[in-house]
Amino acid sequence: MILAIPFLAIGPWQIAVIVVLVLLLFGGKKIPELMRGLGSGIKEFKDASKEDDKLEEKKD
């Protein structure tokens, strides 16, 4: 288990390698579509959590 700790630290070089791999796998044109989908998913999640809060306040 002690050997797994250094693998958890992510530095700037590891981030750069991940970015290059994502660019190679998906291409420059697909990335904006993926980010748009991710953003809309986060927005829907926030809206749903706000609706739950409003429903709980009405019940009290």
PDB file of N, CA and C in Angstrom:
ATOM      1  N   MET A   1       0.813  -1.189   0.000  1.00  0.00           N
ATOM      2  CA  MET A   1       0.000   0.000   0.000  1.00  0.00           C
ATOM      3  C   MET A   1       0.856   1.252   0.000  1.00  0.00           C
ATOM      4  N   ILE A   2       2.040   1.193   0.552  1.00  0.00           N
ATOM      5  CA  ILE A   2       2.922   2.353   0.600  1.00  0.00           C
ATOM      6  C   ILE A   2       3.370   2.744  -0.810  1.00  0.00           C
ATOM      7  N   LEU A   3       3.497   1.792  -1.699  1.00  0.00           N
ATOM      8  CA  LEU A   3       3.940   2.079  -3.059  1.00  0.00           C
ATOM      9  C   LEU A   3       2.899   2.835  -3.866  1.00  0.00           C
ATOM     10  N   ALA A   4       1.630   2.784  -3.476  1.00  0.00           N
ATOM     11  CA  ALA A   4       0.557   3.430  -4.232  1.00  0.00           C
ATOM     12  C   ALA A   4       0.521   4.930  -4.004  1.00  0.00           C
ATOM     13  N   ILE A   5       1.090   5.444  -2.943  1.00  0.00           N
ATOM     14  CA  ILE A   5       1.007   6.866  -2.621  1.00  0.00           C
ATOM     15  C   ILE A   5       1.685   7.751  -3.672  1.00  0.00           C
ATOM     16  N   PRO A   6       2.880   7.451  -4.176  1.00  0.00           N
ATOM     17  CA  PRO A   6       3.471   8.324  -5.198  1.00  0.00           C
ATOM     18  C   PRO A   6       2.653   8.390  -6.492  1.00  0.00           C
ATOM     19  N   PHE A   7       1.861   7.394  -6.781  1.00  0.00           N
ATOM     20  CA  PHE A   7       1.066   7.406  -8.006  1.00  0.00           C
ATOM     21  C   PHE A   7      -0.128   8.347  -7.891  1.00  0.00           C
ATOM     22  N   LEU A   8      -0.507   8.719  -6.678  1.00  0.00           N
ATOM     23  CA  LEU A   8      -1.638   9.607  -6.482  1.00  0.00           C
ATOM     24  C   LEU A   8      -1.276  11.066  -6.735  1.00  0.00           C
ATOM     25  N   ALA A   9      -0.011  11.424  -6.641  1.00  0.00           N
ATOM     26  CA  ALA A   9       0.428  12.800  -6.856  1.00  0.00           C
ATOM     27  C   ALA A   9       0.500  13.076  -8.357  1.00  0.00           C
ATOM     28  N   ILE A  10      -0.242  14.091  -8.792  1.00  0.00           N
ATOM     29  CA  ILE A  10      -0.255  14.445 -10.207  1.00  0.00           C
ATOM     30  C   ILE A  10       0.414  15.800 -10.365  1.00  0.00           C
ATOM     31  N   GLY A  11       1.467  15.838 -11.136  1.00  0.00           N
ATOM     32  CA  GLY A  11       2.203  17.071 -11.360  1.00  0.00           C
ATOM     33  C   GLY A  11       1.899  17.659 -12.722  1.00  0.00           C
ATOM     34  N   PRO A  12       2.565  18.744 -13.063  1.00  0.00           N
ATOM     35  CA  PRO A  12       2.305  19.412 -14.346  1.00  0.00           C
ATOM     36  C   PRO A  12       2.650  18.548 -15.564  1.00  0.00           C
ATOM     37  N   TRP A  13       3.677  17.725 -15.449  1.00  0.00           N
ATOM     38  CA  TRP A  13       4.034  16.874 -16.590  1.00  0.00           C
ATOM     39  C   TRP A  13       2.974  15.808 -16.833  1.00  0.00           C
ATOM     40  N   GLN A  14       2.435  15.261 -15.770  1.00  0.00           N
ATOM     41  CA  GLN A  14       1.393  14.244 -15.922  1.00  0.00           C
ATOM     42  C   GLN A  14       0.130  14.852 -16.529  1.00  0.00           C
ATOM     43  N   ILE A  15      -0.201  16.067 -16.118  1.00  0.00           N
ATOM     44  CA  ILE A  15      -1.364  16.748 -16.690  1.00  0.00           C
ATOM     45  C   ILE A  15      -1.145  17.012 -18.170  1.00  0.00           C
ATOM     46  N   ALA A  16       0.061  17.429 -18.545  1.00  0.00           N
ATOM     47  CA  ALA A  16       0.374  17.692 -19.958  1.00  0.00           C
ATOM     48  C   ALA A  16       0.246  16.417 -20.780  1.00  0.00           C
ATOM     49  N   VAL A  17       0.716  15.303 -20.248  1.00  0.00           N
ATOM     50  CA  VAL A  17       0.615  14.030 -20.964  1.00  0.00           C
ATOM     51  C   VAL A  17      -0.848  13.639 -21.131  1.00  0.00           C
ATOM     52  N   ILE A  18      -1.660  13.838 -20.110  1.00  0.00           N
ATOM     53  CA  ILE A  18      -3.081  13.500 -20.191  1.00  0.00           C
ATOM     54  C   ILE A  18      -3.769  14.360 -21.239  1.00  0.00           C
ATOM     55  N   VAL A  19      -3.442  15.650 -21.278  1.00  0.00           N
ATOM     56  CA  VAL A  19      -4.046  16.551 -22.263  1.00  0.00           C
ATOM     57  C   VAL A  19      -3.673  16.130 -23.677  1.00  0.00           C
ATOM     58  N   VAL A  20      -2.423  15.780 -23.892  1.00  0.00           N
ATOM     59  CA  VAL A  20      -1.982  15.339 -25.223  1.00  0.00           C
ATOM     60  C   VAL A  20      -2.696  14.053 -25.622  1.00  0.00           C
ATOM     61  N   LEU A  21      -2.836  13.123 -24.695  1.00  0.00           N
ATOM     62  CA  LEU A  21      -3.530  11.870 -25.001  1.00  0.00           C
ATOM     63  C   LEU A  21      -4.997  12.115 -25.340  1.00  0.00           C
ATOM     64  N   VAL A  22      -5.644  13.009 -24.614  1.00  0.00           N
ATOM     65  CA  VAL A  22      -7.047  13.318 -24.907  1.00  0.00           C
ATOM     66  C   VAL A  22      -7.167  13.946 -26.289  1.00  0.00           C
ATOM     67  N   LEU A  23      -6.250  14.848 -26.625  1.00  0.00           N
ATOM     68  CA  LEU A  23      -6.271  15.460 -27.962  1.00  0.00           C
ATOM     69  C   LEU A  23      -6.072  14.423 -29.055  1.00  0.00           C
ATOM     70  N   LEU A  24      -5.176  13.486 -28.823  1.00  0.00           N
ATOM     71  CA  LEU A  24      -4.931  12.447 -29.823  1.00  0.00           C
ATOM     72  C   LEU A  24      -6.118  11.497 -29.962  1.00  0.00           C
ATOM     73  N   LEU A  25      -6.750  11.166 -28.854  1.00  0.00           N
ATOM     74  CA  LEU A  25      -7.861  10.219 -28.891  1.00  0.00           C
ATOM     75  C   LEU A  25      -9.126  10.824 -29.488  1.00  0.00           C
ATOM     76  N   PHE A  26      -9.469  12.033 -29.062  1.00  0.00           N
ATOM     77  CA  PHE A  26     -10.742  12.605 -29.466  1.00  0.00           C
ATOM     78  C   PHE A  26     -10.624  13.617 -30.594  1.00  0.00           C
ATOM     79  N   GLY A  27      -9.476  14.205 -30.771  1.00  0.00           N
ATOM     80  CA  GLY A  27      -9.319  15.225 -31.798  1.00  0.00           C
ATOM     81  C   GLY A  27      -9.809  16.580 -31.311  1.00  0.00           C
ATOM     82  N   GLY A  28      -9.366  17.615 -31.978  1.00  0.00           N
ATOM     83  CA  GLY A  28      -9.700  18.969 -31.566  1.00  0.00           C
ATOM     84  C   GLY A  28     -11.155  19.327 -31.750  1.00  0.00           C
ATOM     85  N   LYS A  29     -11.841  18.693 -32.689  1.00  0.00           N
ATOM     86  CA  LYS A  29     -13.239  19.048 -32.962  1.00  0.00           C
ATOM     87  C   LYS A  29     -14.204  18.411 -31.976  1.00  0.00           C
ATOM     88  N   LYS A  30     -13.861  17.281 -31.408  1.00  0.00           N
ATOM     89  CA  LYS A  30     -14.761  16.583 -30.492  1.00  0.00           C
ATOM     90  C   LYS A  30     -14.724  17.155 -29.074  1.00  0.00           C
ATOM     91  N   ILE A  31     -13.626  17.769 -28.686  1.00  0.00           N
ATOM     92  CA  ILE A  31     -13.469  18.235 -27.313  1.00  0.00           C
ATOM     93  C   ILE A  31     -14.506  19.295 -26.940  1.00  0.00           C
ATOM     94  N   PRO A  32     -14.785  20.308 -27.788  1.00  0.00           N
ATOM     95  CA  PRO A  32     -15.843  21.262 -27.406  1.00  0.00           C
ATOM     96  C   PRO A  32     -17.207  20.595 -27.220  1.00  0.00           C
ATOM     97  N   GLU A  33     -17.511  19.597 -28.028  1.00  0.00           N
ATOM     98  CA  GLU A  33     -18.776  18.874 -27.869  1.00  0.00           C
ATOM     99  C   GLU A  33     -18.815  18.143 -26.528  1.00  0.00           C
ATOM    100  N   LEU A  34     -17.703  17.517 -26.156  1.00  0.00           N
ATOM    101  CA  LEU A  34     -17.641  16.807 -24.886  1.00  0.00           C
ATOM    102  C   LEU A  34     -17.788  17.769 -23.714  1.00  0.00           C
ATOM    103  N   MET A  35     -17.132  18.914 -23.784  1.00  0.00           N
ATOM    104  CA  MET A  35     -17.214  19.894 -22.704  1.00  0.00           C
ATOM    105  C   MET A  35     -18.619  20.493 -22.603  1.00  0.00           C
ATOM    106  N   ARG A  36     -19.255  20.697 -23.749  1.00  0.00           N
ATOM    107  CA  ARG A  36     -20.616  21.224 -23.761  1.00  0.00           C
ATOM    108  C   ARG A  36     -21.566  20.236 -23.084  1.00  0.00           C
ATOM    109  N   GLY A  37     -21.400  18.972 -23.391  1.00  0.00           N
ATOM    110  CA  GLY A  37     -22.222  17.941 -22.757  1.00  0.00           C
ATOM    111  C   GLY A  37     -21.958  17.844 -21.266  1.00  0.00           C
ATOM    112  N   LEU A  38     -20.707  17.957 -20.876  1.00  0.00           N
ATOM    113  CA  LEU A  38     -20.357  17.924 -19.460  1.00  0.00           C
ATOM    114  C   LEU A  38     -20.962  19.123 -18.732  1.00  0.00           C
ATOM    115  N   GLY A  39     -20.883  20.297 -19.345  1.00  0.00           N
ATOM    116  CA  GLY A  39     -21.448  21.502 -18.740  1.00  0.00           C
ATOM    117  C   GLY A  39     -22.953  21.420 -18.582  1.00  0.00           C
ATOM    118  N   SER A  40     -23.636  20.904 -19.589  1.00  0.00           N
ATOM    119  CA  SER A  40     -25.093  20.788 -19.483  1.00  0.00           C
ATOM    120  C   SER A  40     -25.483  19.753 -18.431  1.00  0.00           C
ATOM    121  N   GLY A  41     -24.713  18.709 -18.293  1.00  0.00           N
ATOM    122  CA  GLY A  41     -24.977  17.711 -17.259  1.00  0.00           C
ATOM    123  C   GLY A  41     -24.813  18.290 -15.864  1.00  0.00           C
ATOM    124  N   ILE A  42     -23.775  19.092 -15.668  1.00  0.00           N
ATOM    125  CA  ILE A  42     -23.556  19.734 -14.369  1.00  0.00           C
ATOM    126  C   ILE A  42     -24.684  20.712 -14.074  1.00  0.00           C
ATOM    127  N   LYS A  43     -25.113  21.450 -15.097  1.00  0.00           N
ATOM    128  CA  LYS A  43     -26.200  22.420 -14.911  1.00  0.00           C
ATOM    129  C   LYS A  43     -27.494  21.702 -14.518  1.00  0.00           C
ATOM    130  N   GLU A  44     -27.809  20.600 -15.172  1.00  0.00           N
ATOM    131  CA  GLU A  44     -29.006  19.831 -14.832  1.00  0.00           C
ATOM    132  C   GLU A  44     -28.925  19.289 -13.412  1.00  0.00           C
ATOM    133  N   PHE A  45     -27.746  18.848 -13.013  1.00  0.00           N
ATOM    134  CA  PHE A  45     -27.569  18.334 -11.651  1.00  0.00           C
ATOM    135  C   PHE A  45     -27.813  19.433 -10.621  1.00  0.00           C
ATOM    136  N   LYS A  46     -27.278  20.629 -10.873  1.00  0.00           N
ATOM    137  CA  LYS A  46     -27.480  21.749  -9.948  1.00  0.00           C
ATOM    138  C   LYS A  46     -28.947  22.130  -9.875  1.00  0.00           C
ATOM    139  N   ASP A  47     -29.619  22.179 -11.027  1.00  0.00           N
ATOM    140  CA  ASP A  47     -31.039  22.521 -11.037  1.00  0.00           C
ATOM    141  C   ASP A  47     -31.862  21.488 -10.261  1.00  0.00           C
ATOM    142  N   ALA A  48     -31.538  20.224 -10.433  1.00  0.00           N
ATOM    143  CA  ALA A  48     -32.266  19.169  -9.730  1.00  0.00           C
ATOM    144  C   ALA A  48     -32.034  19.260  -8.223  1.00  0.00           C
ATOM    145  N   SER A  49     -30.816  19.574  -7.815  1.00  0.00           N
ATOM    146  CA  SER A  49     -30.550  19.682  -6.383  1.00  0.00           C
ATOM    147  C   SER A  49     -31.256  20.898  -5.790  1.00  0.00           C
ATOM    148  N   LYS A  50     -31.380  21.979  -6.550  1.00  0.00           N
ATOM    149  CA  LYS A  50     -32.109  23.157  -6.071  1.00  0.00           C
ATOM    150  C   LYS A  50     -33.597  22.834  -5.929  1.00  0.00           C
ATOM    151  N   GLU A  51     -34.149  22.065  -6.864  1.00  0.00           N
ATOM    152  CA  GLU A  51     -35.556  21.672  -6.778  1.00  0.00           C
ATOM    153  C   GLU A  51     -35.802  20.809  -5.544  1.00  0.00           C
ATOM    154  N   ASP A  52     -34.872  19.918  -5.226  1.00  0.00           N
ATOM    155  CA  ASP A  52     -35.011  19.089  -4.029  1.00  0.00           C
ATOM    156  C   ASP A  52     -35.004  19.949  -2.774  1.00  0.00           C
ATOM    157  N   ASP A  53     -34.139  20.969  -2.746  1.00  0.00           N
ATOM    158  CA  ASP A  53     -34.088  21.855  -1.590  1.00  0.00           C
ATOM    159  C   ASP A  53     -35.408  22.613  -1.432  1.00  0.00           C
ATOM    160  N   LYS A  54     -35.990  23.053  -2.541  1.00  0.00           N
ATOM    161  CA  LYS A  54     -37.252  23.784  -2.481  1.00  0.00           C
ATOM    162  C   LYS A  54     -38.384  22.878  -1.993  1.00  0.00           C
ATOM    163  N   LEU A  55     -38.387  21.623  -2.436  1.00  0.00           N
ATOM    164  CA  LEU A  55     -39.419  20.682  -1.997  1.00  0.00           C
ATOM    165  C   LEU A  55     -39.303  20.405  -0.495  1.00  0.00           C
ATOM    166  N   GLU A  56     -38.076  20.292   0.006  1.00  0.00           N
ATOM    167  CA  GLU A  56     -37.873  20.044   1.432  1.00  0.00           C
ATOM    168  C   GLU A  56     -38.321  21.243   2.259  1.00  0.00           C
ATOM    169  N   GLU A  57     -38.097  22.458   1.750  1.00  0.00           N
ATOM    170  CA  GLU A  57     -38.497  23.653   2.480  1.00  0.00           C
ATOM    171  C   GLU A  57     -40.031  23.738   2.537  1.00  0.00           C
ATOM    172  N   LYS A  58     -40.729  23.339   1.483  1.00  0.00           N
ATOM    173  CA  LYS A  58     -42.181  23.379   1.463  1.00  0.00           C
ATOM    174  C   LYS A  58     -42.777  22.367   2.440  1.00  0.00           C
ATOM    175  N   LYS A  59     -42.122  21.230   2.627  1.00  0.00           N
ATOM    176  CA  LYS A  59     -42.619  20.192   3.522  1.00  0.00           C
ATOM    177  C   LYS A  59     -42.514  20.635   4.985  1.00  0.00           C
ATOM    178  N   ASP A  60     -41.507  21.445   5.292  1.00  0.00           N
ATOM    179  CA  ASP A  60     -41.299  21.895   6.686  1.00  0.00           C
ATOM    180  C   ASP A  60     -42.309  22.940   6.995  1.00  0.00           C
TER     181      ASP A  60
END
